[in-house]
Protein backbone atom coordinates (compact mmCIF):
# COMPACT_ATOMS: atom_id res chain seq x y z
CA MET A 1 0.00 0.00 0.00
CA ALA A 2 1.45 3.38 -0.99
CA LYS A 3 1.83 6.19 1.53
CA ARG A 4 -0.44 9.12 0.98
CA ASP A 5 0.76 12.72 0.96
CA LYS A 6 -0.39 14.12 4.30
CA ARG A 7 -0.02 17.81 3.45
CA ILE A 8 -2.99 19.93 4.27
CA ASN A 9 -3.55 23.20 2.50
CA ASN A 10 -4.73 25.92 4.84
CA LEU A 11 -7.33 28.02 3.06
CA LEU A 12 -8.26 30.13 6.08
CA GLU A 13 -6.93 33.65 6.70
CA PRO A 14 -5.88 34.50 10.28
CA LYS A 15 -8.43 36.58 12.15
CA LYS A 16 -5.83 38.81 13.83
CA SER A 17 -2.59 40.07 12.45
CA ILE A 18 0.37 40.17 14.78
CA ALA A 19 1.40 43.73 15.43
CA SER A 20 4.87 44.61 16.58
CA ASN A 21 5.02 46.12 20.04
CA ILE A 22 8.33 47.80 19.22
CA VAL A 23 7.62 51.49 18.89
CA PRO A 24 10.34 53.94 17.91
CA ASP A 25 11.22 56.24 20.80
CA ASP A 26 10.03 59.69 19.78
CA SER A 27 10.42 61.19 23.26
CA TYR A 28 13.61 63.03 22.18
CA ARG A 29 11.34 65.32 20.16
CA THR A 30 8.08 65.17 22.09
CA LYS A 31 8.86 65.09 25.83
CA ASN A 32 10.77 67.54 27.98
CA VAL A 33 14.25 66.52 29.07
CA ILE A 34 14.69 64.60 32.31
CA PHE A 35 18.10 64.80 33.97
CA ASP A 36 19.55 61.60 35.40
CA PHE A 37 22.30 62.19 37.99
CA SER A 38 22.48 58.51 39.02
CA SER A 39 25.97 57.85 37.61
CA LYS A 40 28.55 57.45 40.36
CA THR A 41 30.64 60.06 38.51
CA SER A 42 28.03 62.84 38.20
CA PHE A 43 29.30 64.99 41.07
CA CYS A 44 32.91 63.75 41.28
CA SER A 45 35.74 66.18 40.67
CA ILE A 46 38.86 65.48 38.65
CA SER A 47 41.97 67.17 37.30
CA HIS A 48 42.98 65.39 34.09
CA SER A 49 44.65 66.42 30.82
CA GLY A 50 44.02 70.14 31.32
CA PHE A 51 40.47 69.66 32.58
CA ASN A 52 39.73 70.57 36.22
CA ASN A 53 36.35 70.68 37.90
CA TYR A 54 37.49 70.79 41.52
CA LEU A 55 35.81 73.47 43.59
CA LYS A 56 37.28 75.90 46.11
CA ASN A 57 35.42 74.60 49.18
CA ALA A 58 32.03 73.40 50.45
CA ASP A 59 30.57 76.92 50.25
CA ASP A 60 31.63 77.16 46.61
CA TYR A 61 29.95 73.80 45.99
CA VAL A 62 26.67 75.00 47.52
CA GLU A 63 26.72 78.09 45.28
CA GLN A 64 27.58 76.04 42.19
CA PHE A 65 24.91 73.47 43.07
CA ARG A 66 22.27 76.21 43.32
CA THR A 67 23.28 77.53 39.90
CA LEU A 68 23.27 74.00 38.48
CA MET A 69 19.76 73.30 39.78
CA LYS A 70 18.52 76.63 38.39
CA ASN A 71 19.92 75.60 34.99
CA VAL A 72 18.42 72.12 35.23
CA SER A 73 15.05 73.66 36.04
CA LEU A 74 15.25 76.03 33.05
CA LEU A 75 16.51 73.38 30.62
CA SER A 76 13.82 70.92 31.80
CA GLU A 77 11.20 73.14 30.15
CA TYR A 78 12.41 72.05 26.70
CA THR A 79 12.74 68.89 24.65
CA LEU A 80 16.24 67.64 23.90
CA SER A 81 15.53 68.13 20.21
CA THR A 82 14.81 71.82 20.81
CA LEU A 83 17.93 72.27 22.94
CA ILE A 84 20.34 70.40 20.66
CA ASN A 85 18.92 71.48 17.29
CA GLY A 86 17.21 74.74 18.18
CA ARG A 87 18.54 78.18 17.64
CA GLY A 88 19.48 80.18 20.68
CA TYR A 89 20.91 77.24 22.63
CA ASP A 90 24.57 77.56 21.70
CA HIS A 91 25.73 75.74 24.84
CA CYS A 92 23.69 72.61 24.04
CA HIS A 93 25.37 70.44 21.43
CA LYS A 94 27.09 67.20 20.54
CA ILE A 95 30.72 67.07 21.67
CA GLU A 96 33.02 66.30 18.76
CA GLY A 97 36.68 65.98 17.79
CA ASP A 98 39.38 66.70 20.37
CA LYS A 99 36.78 67.80 22.92
CA ASP A 100 35.04 64.42 22.59
CA LYS A 101 38.36 62.64 23.18
CA LEU A 102 39.02 64.79 26.27
CA ALA A 103 35.50 64.26 27.66
CA ARG A 104 35.77 60.48 27.17
CA SER A 105 39.20 60.49 28.80
CA VAL A 106 37.78 62.39 31.80
CA ILE A 107 34.87 59.96 32.14
CA ARG A 108 37.15 56.92 31.76
CA LYS A 109 39.39 58.32 34.52
CA LEU A 110 36.37 59.07 36.76
CA PHE A 111 35.25 55.46 36.31
CA SER A 112 38.83 54.43 37.25
CA ASN A 113 39.04 52.46 34.03
CA ASP A 114 36.13 50.32 35.26
CA ARG A 115 34.47 48.12 32.59
CA VAL A 116 31.21 49.91 33.39
CA TYR A 117 32.49 52.82 31.30
CA GLU A 118 32.72 50.63 28.21
CA GLN A 119 29.30 49.11 28.84
CA GLU A 120 27.54 52.40 29.50
CA ILE A 121 28.93 54.99 27.12
CA ASP A 122 31.79 53.76 24.98
CA ALA A 123 29.67 53.71 21.80
CA GLU A 124 27.32 56.56 22.78
CA ASP A 125 27.56 60.14 21.54
CA LEU A 126 28.44 62.68 24.25
CA PHE A 127 26.56 65.96 24.59
CA GLN A 128 27.01 69.16 26.55
CA LEU A 129 24.04 71.08 27.95
CA GLY A 130 24.34 74.52 29.47
CA PHE A 131 22.55 77.79 29.86
CA GLN A 132 23.88 81.34 30.20
CA ASP A 133 26.52 80.95 32.93
CA SER A 134 29.68 78.86 32.99
CA ILE A 135 28.25 75.53 34.18
CA ARG A 136 27.99 72.80 31.55
CA ILE A 137 26.64 69.28 32.03
CA VAL A 138 28.22 66.44 30.03
CA GLY A 139 26.40 63.19 29.33
CA THR A 140 24.53 60.91 26.97
CA ILE A 141 21.01 60.92 25.56
CA LYS A 142 18.49 58.07 25.47
CA GLY A 143 15.00 59.17 24.49
CA ASN A 144 14.28 62.23 26.61
CA ILE A 145 16.72 61.21 29.38
CA PHE A 146 20.01 63.09 29.69
CA ARG A 147 22.37 60.94 31.79
CA VAL A 148 24.96 63.18 33.45
CA TYR A 149 28.53 61.85 33.71
CA PHE A 150 30.30 64.99 34.90
CA ILE A 151 29.79 68.68 35.50
CA ASP A 152 32.06 71.28 33.96
CA TYR A 153 31.68 74.04 36.55
CA PHE A 154 34.23 76.39 34.99
CA HIS A 155 33.88 75.87 31.26
CA ASP A 156 37.14 73.88 31.04
CA LEU A 157 36.03 71.56 28.23
CA TYR A 158 35.54 74.56 25.94
CA PRO A 159 37.80 77.16 27.61
CA ASP A 160 36.60 80.75 27.84
CA ASN A 161 38.65 83.50 29.52
CA ARG A 162 35.53 84.83 31.26
CA TYR A 163 35.21 81.59 33.23
CA ASN A 164 38.75 80.19 33.34
CA SER A 165 40.51 82.89 35.35
CA ARG A 166 40.42 81.09 38.73
CA ASN A 167 43.56 79.90 40.47
CA GLU A 168 43.15 76.13 39.96
CA ARG A 169 45.89 75.24 42.46
CA ASN A 170 43.61 76.48 45.26
CA TYR A 171 40.65 74.44 44.03
CA LYS A 172 40.89 70.99 45.66
CA PHE A 173 37.37 70.31 46.94
CA CYS A 174 35.33 67.41 45.57
CA PRO A 175 31.68 67.26 46.74
CA ILE A 176 31.89 63.45 46.83
CA ARG A 177 35.35 62.86 48.26
CA GLY A 178 35.83 66.12 50.20
CA VAL A 179 39.25 67.73 50.16
CA LEU A 180 42.02 65.85 48.37
CA PRO A 181 43.95 63.69 50.88
CA SER A 182 47.24 65.45 50.13
CA GLU A 183 45.65 68.77 51.01
CA LYS A 184 44.09 67.81 54.36
CA SER A 185 45.70 69.24 57.47
């Protein structure tokens, strides 16, 4: 007895089509920016390759922190697309070229060459956000989240004589670590 072909032709159409639940993230253009300071490096100070964001003392930190929060509040009223691509926001842009290399070097040093650096930002674009004063925030963008990796209190990444006239040798305060060990009495 010969075997019969057991193929069955399906003549019915499915009642429901399967829709993808993957939706492109449009929040960069549609939602206001949210600042994420959760990185262990966000408020750390460092002196590295000509960049220095150490502060004078705790009082200086309080003043800088107030200014930073004022800026964060003002910048939070906009979408990242407006800040990065909009006119009138000259201090909000992608970091490129030598400045990108310096910023990555600073972050790598802040992470103490930890593998977390490579996992978190090695392939990401870096951006700088700032308002009218000297403080700039450096980080990455995912959707409408701006993840902060360090704060440039004195405009050292893009030097400007108006903001770079301090005596850096007297600036040894880190808000996370306190005064540098070699400077403690």
